[in-house]
N, C-alpha and C. Protein backbone atom coordinates (compact mmCIF):
# COMPACT_ATOMS: atom_id res chain seq x y z
N MET A 1 -172.67 -265.05 85.54
CA MET A 1 -171.93 -266.56 85.25
C MET A 1 -170.25 -265.90 85.19
N THR A 2 -169.58 -266.48 85.76
CA THR A 2 -168.62 -266.30 85.55
C THR A 2 -167.81 -267.52 84.53
N SER A 3 -166.90 -267.01 83.42
CA SER A 3 -166.10 -267.79 82.35
C SER A 3 -165.00 -268.30 83.53
N TYR A 4 -164.52 -269.71 83.33
CA TYR A 4 -163.04 -270.09 83.33
C TYR A 4 -162.23 -271.15 82.51
N ARG A 5 -161.16 -271.30 82.40
CA ARG A 5 -160.46 -271.92 81.86
C ARG A 5 -159.69 -272.58 82.89
N ARG A 6 -159.37 -274.26 81.95
CA ARG A 6 -158.70 -274.57 82.92
C ARG A 6 -157.56 -275.31 82.22
N TYR A 7 -155.82 -275.20 82.72
CA TYR A 7 -154.87 -275.57 81.95
C TYR A 7 -154.21 -276.45 82.99
N ARG A 8 -153.81 -277.33 81.48
CA ARG A 8 -152.64 -278.53 82.09
C ARG A 8 -151.37 -278.27 81.98
N ALA A 9 -150.46 -278.10 83.09
CA ALA A 9 -148.73 -277.58 82.83
C ALA A 9 -148.28 -278.99 82.12
N GLU A 10 -147.88 -278.76 80.98
CA GLU A 10 -146.78 -279.47 80.72
C GLU A 10 -145.28 -278.96 81.04
N PHE A 11 -145.16 -278.36 81.20
CA PHE A 11 -143.17 -278.10 81.41
C PHE A 11 -143.37 -277.39 83.35
N PRO A 12 -142.95 -277.78 83.73
CA PRO A 12 -142.05 -277.32 85.43
C PRO A 12 -141.55 -275.70 85.27
N PHE A 13 -142.06 -274.79 85.86
CA PHE A 13 -141.30 -273.69 86.38
C PHE A 13 -141.36 -273.44 87.71
N ASP A 14 -140.65 -272.88 87.90
CA ASP A 14 -139.96 -272.57 89.40
C ASP A 14 -140.62 -270.93 89.34
N ALA A 15 -140.62 -270.25 90.51
CA ALA A 15 -141.73 -269.27 90.36
C ALA A 15 -140.03 -268.09 91.39
N ARG A 16 -140.01 -267.09 90.81
CA ARG A 16 -138.93 -266.28 91.31
C ARG A 16 -139.09 -265.35 92.22
N ASP A 17 -140.49 -264.68 92.09
CA ASP A 17 -140.78 -264.15 92.79
C ASP A 17 -142.11 -264.20 93.85
N SER A 18 -142.72 -263.80 94.26
CA SER A 18 -143.69 -264.05 95.29
C SER A 18 -145.02 -263.62 94.26
N SER A 19 -145.05 -263.09 93.15
CA SER A 19 -146.18 -263.27 92.30
C SER A 19 -146.25 -263.90 91.49
N GLU A 20 -145.16 -264.22 91.23
CA GLU A 20 -145.25 -265.70 90.69
C GLU A 20 -145.35 -267.83 91.05
N LEU A 21 -146.17 -268.55 90.07
CA LEU A 21 -146.31 -269.41 90.71
C LEU A 21 -145.96 -270.79 90.53
N THR A 22 -145.03 -271.68 91.34
CA THR A 22 -144.73 -273.15 90.86
C THR A 22 -145.63 -273.60 89.72
N VAL A 23 -145.17 -274.02 89.10
CA VAL A 23 -145.92 -275.25 88.41
C VAL A 23 -145.16 -276.30 88.22
N HIS A 24 -145.54 -277.77 88.22
CA HIS A 24 -145.07 -279.21 87.61
C HIS A 24 -145.83 -279.67 86.53
N PRO A 25 -145.31 -280.47 85.96
CA PRO A 25 -146.04 -281.14 85.00
C PRO A 25 -147.49 -282.17 86.07
N GLY A 26 -148.46 -281.51 84.90
CA GLY A 26 -149.72 -282.83 85.17
C GLY A 26 -150.68 -281.35 86.13
N ASP A 27 -149.90 -280.20 86.53
CA ASP A 27 -150.71 -279.52 87.67
C ASP A 27 -151.85 -278.52 86.57
N ALA A 28 -152.98 -279.11 87.52
CA ALA A 28 -154.61 -278.23 86.81
C ALA A 28 -154.33 -276.76 87.34
N LEU A 29 -154.40 -275.97 86.37
CA LEU A 29 -154.06 -274.56 86.79
C LEU A 29 -155.63 -273.64 86.26
N ILE A 30 -156.24 -272.63 86.98
CA ILE A 30 -157.85 -272.36 86.89
C ILE A 30 -157.08 -270.66 86.47
N VAL A 31 -158.04 -269.94 85.06
CA VAL A 31 -157.75 -269.07 84.79
C VAL A 31 -159.07 -268.33 84.35
N SER A 32 -159.50 -267.33 85.25
CA SER A 32 -160.57 -266.54 84.56
C SER A 32 -161.01 -265.43 83.76
N GLN A 33 -161.44 -264.75 83.02
CA GLN A 33 -161.47 -264.03 82.30
C GLN A 33 -160.87 -262.37 82.50
N THR A 34 -160.45 -261.54 82.07
CA THR A 34 -160.34 -260.26 82.27
C THR A 34 -161.29 -259.66 82.53
N ALA A 35 -161.07 -258.09 83.47
CA ALA A 35 -162.22 -257.22 83.77
C ALA A 35 -163.13 -257.12 82.77
N ASP A 36 -162.25 -256.96 81.47
CA ASP A 36 -162.76 -256.52 80.21
C ASP A 36 -163.53 -258.12 79.44
N GLY A 37 -163.94 -258.31 79.92
CA GLY A 37 -164.06 -259.62 79.58
C GLY A 37 -163.51 -260.58 78.51
N THR A 38 -161.98 -260.58 78.46
CA THR A 38 -160.97 -260.68 77.28
C THR A 38 -160.74 -262.52 77.92
N TRP A 39 -159.95 -262.66 76.93
CA TRP A 39 -158.77 -264.13 77.83
C TRP A 39 -157.56 -263.47 77.75
N PRO A 40 -156.84 -264.06 78.63
CA PRO A 40 -155.77 -263.96 78.75
C PRO A 40 -154.56 -264.36 77.43
N ASP A 41 -153.51 -263.35 76.62
CA ASP A 41 -152.78 -264.07 75.50
C ASP A 41 -152.28 -265.50 76.16
N PRO A 42 -151.77 -266.54 75.64
CA PRO A 42 -151.79 -267.81 75.86
C PRO A 42 -150.19 -267.80 75.63
N ALA A 43 -149.48 -266.55 74.76
CA ALA A 43 -148.44 -266.58 74.12
C ALA A 43 -147.69 -265.61 75.67
N LYS A 44 -148.44 -264.98 76.48
CA LYS A 44 -147.73 -263.68 77.30
C LYS A 44 -148.03 -264.66 78.91
N TRP A 45 -148.06 -264.06 79.61
CA TRP A 45 -147.71 -264.65 80.87
C TRP A 45 -149.19 -264.83 81.23
N MET A 46 -149.89 -265.64 82.67
CA MET A 46 -150.68 -265.85 82.68
C MET A 46 -150.92 -265.90 84.33
N LYS A 47 -152.55 -265.50 84.44
CA LYS A 47 -152.31 -265.17 86.33
C LYS A 47 -153.74 -266.66 86.80
N GLY A 48 -153.29 -267.23 87.67
CA GLY A 48 -154.33 -268.13 88.12
C GLY A 48 -153.93 -268.93 89.10
N ARG A 49 -154.95 -269.62 89.55
CA ARG A 49 -154.65 -270.34 90.37
C ARG A 49 -154.68 -272.13 90.71
N ASN A 50 -153.18 -272.79 91.52
CA ASN A 50 -152.96 -274.17 90.52
C ASN A 50 -153.97 -274.98 91.67
N GLU A 51 -155.01 -275.33 91.28
CA GLU A 51 -155.83 -276.61 91.82
C GLU A 51 -155.33 -277.22 92.92
N ASN A 52 -154.16 -277.64 92.63
CA ASN A 52 -153.08 -278.73 93.79
C ASN A 52 -152.66 -278.08 94.87
N THR A 53 -152.04 -276.95 94.89
CA THR A 53 -151.23 -276.41 95.88
C THR A 53 -152.61 -275.13 96.68
N GLU A 54 -153.19 -274.91 95.27
CA GLU A 54 -154.83 -273.59 95.79
C GLU A 54 -153.27 -272.44 96.27
N GLN A 55 -152.53 -272.36 95.21
CA GLN A 55 -152.01 -270.64 95.17
C GLN A 55 -151.98 -269.77 93.81
N PHE A 56 -152.22 -269.07 93.90
CA PHE A 56 -152.80 -267.94 93.09
C PHE A 56 -150.84 -266.96 92.48
N GLY A 57 -151.03 -266.82 91.84
CA GLY A 57 -149.79 -266.22 91.02
C GLY A 57 -149.41 -266.10 89.16
N GLU A 58 -149.16 -265.75 88.98
CA GLU A 58 -148.74 -265.42 87.74
C GLU A 58 -147.29 -267.22 86.17
N PHE A 59 -147.81 -266.92 85.40
CA PHE A 59 -146.84 -268.65 85.27
C PHE A 59 -147.22 -268.29 83.52
N PRO A 60 -146.00 -268.78 82.99
CA PRO A 60 -145.73 -268.61 81.76
C PRO A 60 -146.87 -269.29 81.05
N GLY A 61 -147.54 -268.66 79.82
CA GLY A 61 -148.80 -269.33 79.22
C GLY A 61 -147.75 -270.37 78.00
N THR A 62 -146.81 -270.03 77.84
CA THR A 62 -146.57 -271.30 76.69
C THR A 62 -146.02 -272.67 77.50
N TYR A 63 -146.03 -272.56 79.31
CA TYR A 63 -145.85 -273.71 79.55
C TYR A 63 -146.94 -275.24 80.10
N VAL A 64 -148.55 -274.54 79.09
CA VAL A 64 -149.60 -274.79 79.67
C VAL A 64 -151.01 -275.14 78.11
N LYS A 65 -151.73 -276.01 78.57
CA LYS A 65 -152.57 -276.43 77.71
C LYS A 65 -153.73 -276.04 77.86
N LEU A 66 -154.44 -275.71 77.23
CA LEU A 66 -155.95 -275.98 77.56
C LEU A 66 -156.61 -277.41 77.57
N VAL A 67 -157.33 -276.90 78.76
CA VAL A 67 -158.13 -278.85 78.48
C VAL A 67 -159.16 -278.02 78.57
N GLU A 68 -160.03 -277.16 79.46
CA GLU A 68 -161.38 -276.94 79.00
C GLU A 68 -161.81 -275.67 79.33
N GLU A 69 -163.20 -275.02 79.11
CA GLU A 69 -163.66 -274.05 79.42
C GLU A 69 -164.88 -274.27 80.30
N PHE A 70 -165.13 -273.72 81.45
CA PHE A 70 -166.59 -273.67 82.12
C PHE A 70 -166.73 -272.51 82.63
N THR A 71 -168.25 -272.92 82.91
CA THR A 71 -168.60 -271.46 83.58
C THR A 71 -169.18 -271.98 85.08
N VAL A 72 -169.40 -270.54 86.17
CA VAL A 72 -169.73 -270.95 87.45
C VAL A 72 -171.05 -269.42 87.23
N GLN A 73 -172.17 -270.32 88.21
CA GLN A 73 -173.02 -269.26 88.63
C GLN A 73 -172.66 -268.86 89.54
N ASP A 74 -172.67 -266.90 89.23
CA ASP A 74 -172.77 -266.40 90.54
C ASP A 74 -173.58 -266.25 91.47
N THR A 75 -173.59 -266.21 92.71
CA THR A 75 -174.21 -266.28 94.00
C THR A 75 -173.92 -264.75 94.04
N PRO A 76 -174.89 -264.69 95.20
CA PRO A 76 -175.43 -263.29 95.66
C PRO A 76 -174.02 -262.78 96.51
N PRO A 77 -173.14 -261.91 97.33
CA PRO A 77 -172.89 -261.93 98.10
C PRO A 77 -173.22 -262.30 99.82
N LEU A 78 -172.61 -262.90 100.50
CA LEU A 78 -173.55 -263.49 101.97
C LEU A 78 -173.89 -262.44 102.60
N GLN A 79 -175.29 -262.07 103.19
CA GLN A 79 -176.13 -261.41 103.70
C GLN A 79 -175.00 -261.38 105.35
N PRO A 80 -174.99 -260.29 106.54
CA PRO A 80 -174.71 -261.11 107.55
C PRO A 80 -176.03 -260.73 108.55
N PRO A 81 -175.48 -261.69 109.24
CA PRO A 81 -177.02 -262.23 110.02
C PRO A 81 -177.62 -260.87 110.80
N VAL A 82 -179.29 -261.49 110.94
CA VAL A 82 -179.90 -260.49 111.54
C VAL A 82 -179.36 -260.44 112.71
N ALA A 83 -180.25 -259.36 113.27
CA ALA A 83 -179.54 -258.98 114.82
C ALA A 83 -181.07 -259.97 115.17
N PRO A 84 -180.59 -259.90 116.51
CA PRO A 84 -182.12 -260.74 117.34
C PRO A 84 -182.94 -259.33 118.07
N PRO A 85 -183.93 -259.75 117.79
CA PRO A 85 -184.93 -258.44 118.60
C PRO A 85 -184.27 -258.28 120.00
N SER A 86 -184.21 -256.45 119.69
CA SER A 86 -183.62 -255.72 121.27
C SER A 86 -184.87 -256.40 122.48
N ARG A 87 -184.17 -256.63 123.60
CA ARG A 87 -185.18 -257.20 124.65
C ARG A 87 -185.23 -255.20 125.62
N PRO A 88 -186.00 -255.53 126.27
CA PRO A 88 -185.97 -254.46 127.30
C PRO A 88 -184.94 -254.83 128.32
N PRO A 89 -184.20 -253.76 128.72
CA PRO A 89 -183.22 -253.64 130.24
C PRO A 89 -183.49 -254.74 130.84
N VAL A 90 -182.63 -255.43 131.60
CA VAL A 90 -183.35 -255.79 132.68
C VAL A 90 -182.63 -255.51 133.68
N SER A 91 -183.27 -255.13 135.09
CA SER A 91 -182.40 -254.29 135.99
C SER A 91 -182.43 -255.00 137.37
N PRO A 92 -180.54 -255.26 137.62
CA PRO A 92 -180.71 -255.65 139.04
C PRO A 92 -181.76 -255.94 140.23
N PRO A 93 -182.02 -256.91 140.44
CA PRO A 93 -182.98 -257.15 141.86
C PRO A 93 -182.85 -256.33 143.06
N PRO A 94 -184.11 -255.46 143.57
CA PRO A 94 -183.43 -254.86 144.18
C PRO A 94 -182.85 -255.01 145.64
N VAL A 95 -181.56 -254.37 146.07
CA VAL A 95 -181.06 -254.57 147.29
C VAL A 95 -181.94 -254.02 148.79
N SER A 96 -181.82 -255.17 149.45
CA SER A 96 -182.30 -254.37 151.26
C SER A 96 -181.03 -254.32 151.98
N PRO A 97 -181.91 -253.57 153.02
CA PRO A 97 -180.96 -252.52 153.89
C PRO A 97 -179.80 -253.82 154.25
N SER A 98 -180.38 -254.68 155.25
CA SER A 98 -179.70 -255.78 155.32
C SER A 98 -178.84 -256.48 154.68
N SER A 99 -179.21 -256.46 153.24
CA SER A 99 -178.06 -257.69 152.99
C SER A 99 -176.95 -256.76 152.60
N GLN A 100 -177.03 -255.34 152.81
CA GLN A 100 -175.75 -254.59 152.58
C GLN A 100 -174.23 -254.37 153.83
N THR A 101 -174.74 -255.04 154.66
CA THR A 101 -174.33 -255.15 155.70
C THR A 101 -173.49 -256.62 155.96
N PRO A 102 -172.35 -256.69 156.14
CA PRO A 102 -171.60 -257.90 155.93
C PRO A 102 -172.19 -258.68 157.28
N PRO A 103 -172.82 -259.78 157.03
CA PRO A 103 -173.43 -260.73 158.86
C PRO A 103 -172.38 -260.49 160.02
N SER A 104 -173.42 -260.28 161.33
CA SER A 104 -172.08 -260.33 162.40
C SER A 104 -171.22 -261.66 162.46
N ARG A 105 -170.35 -261.66 163.03
CA ARG A 105 -169.67 -262.04 163.20
C ARG A 105 -169.83 -262.41 164.91
N PRO A 106 -169.91 -263.53 165.72
CA PRO A 106 -169.32 -263.77 167.12
C PRO A 106 -168.02 -263.43 167.56
N PRO A 107 -168.37 -262.92 168.41
CA PRO A 107 -166.82 -262.29 169.13
C PRO A 107 -165.75 -263.26 169.12
N VAL A 108 -164.49 -262.77 169.23
CA VAL A 108 -163.48 -264.52 169.02
C VAL A 108 -162.95 -263.69 170.36
N THR A 109 -162.98 -264.93 171.70
CA THR A 109 -162.28 -264.88 172.42
C THR A 109 -161.16 -266.19 173.13
N SER A 110 -160.30 -265.26 173.43
CA SER A 110 -159.34 -266.39 173.53
C SER A 110 -159.25 -266.92 175.32
N PRO A 111 -159.04 -268.06 175.13
CA PRO A 111 -159.30 -268.46 176.71
C PRO A 111 -157.96 -268.18 177.61
N ARG A 112 -158.65 -267.96 179.13
CA ARG A 112 -158.05 -267.00 179.68
C ARG A 112 -157.40 -268.45 180.61
N PRO A 113 -156.21 -268.00 180.84
CA PRO A 113 -155.30 -269.06 182.61
C PRO A 113 -156.20 -268.57 183.77
N PRO A 114 -156.62 -269.85 183.96
CA PRO A 114 -157.64 -270.18 185.33
C PRO A 114 -156.83 -269.25 186.59
N VAL A 115 -157.64 -268.31 187.10
CA VAL A 115 -157.24 -267.86 187.83
C VAL A 115 -156.44 -268.57 189.90
N THR A 116 -155.35 -268.26 189.78
CA THR A 116 -154.90 -269.45 190.86
C THR A 116 -154.30 -268.13 192.12
N SER A 117 -155.21 -268.72 193.25
CA SER A 117 -155.13 -267.53 194.39
C SER A 117 -153.36 -268.21 195.11
N PRO A 118 -153.03 -266.80 195.81
CA PRO A 118 -151.50 -267.45 196.71
C PRO A 118 -151.93 -267.73 197.49
């Protein structure tokens, strides 16, 4: 199980670089526990995801208010699909000698002019 906290932004904050998260009053922000199982200090910077914009970054903890704490059941990672059973190789059909040579074409004849006697 993973624990999260949902905060509501009370004040606007404009990100100053790519690591920060822009928030507007009313935005819902989701924060998870740190790797050691503790919660970030709300008097300092927090890292979270803005549910309205789906963006992730840091924002000042003093700009938000705690709404709720909730847990989510962890799911096992998806397993790669199982490969279908292998099939024996398929050989191409045998080639007969007559199919190796191109079909003969009738000779091209040009019409001859009529023979005239002097």
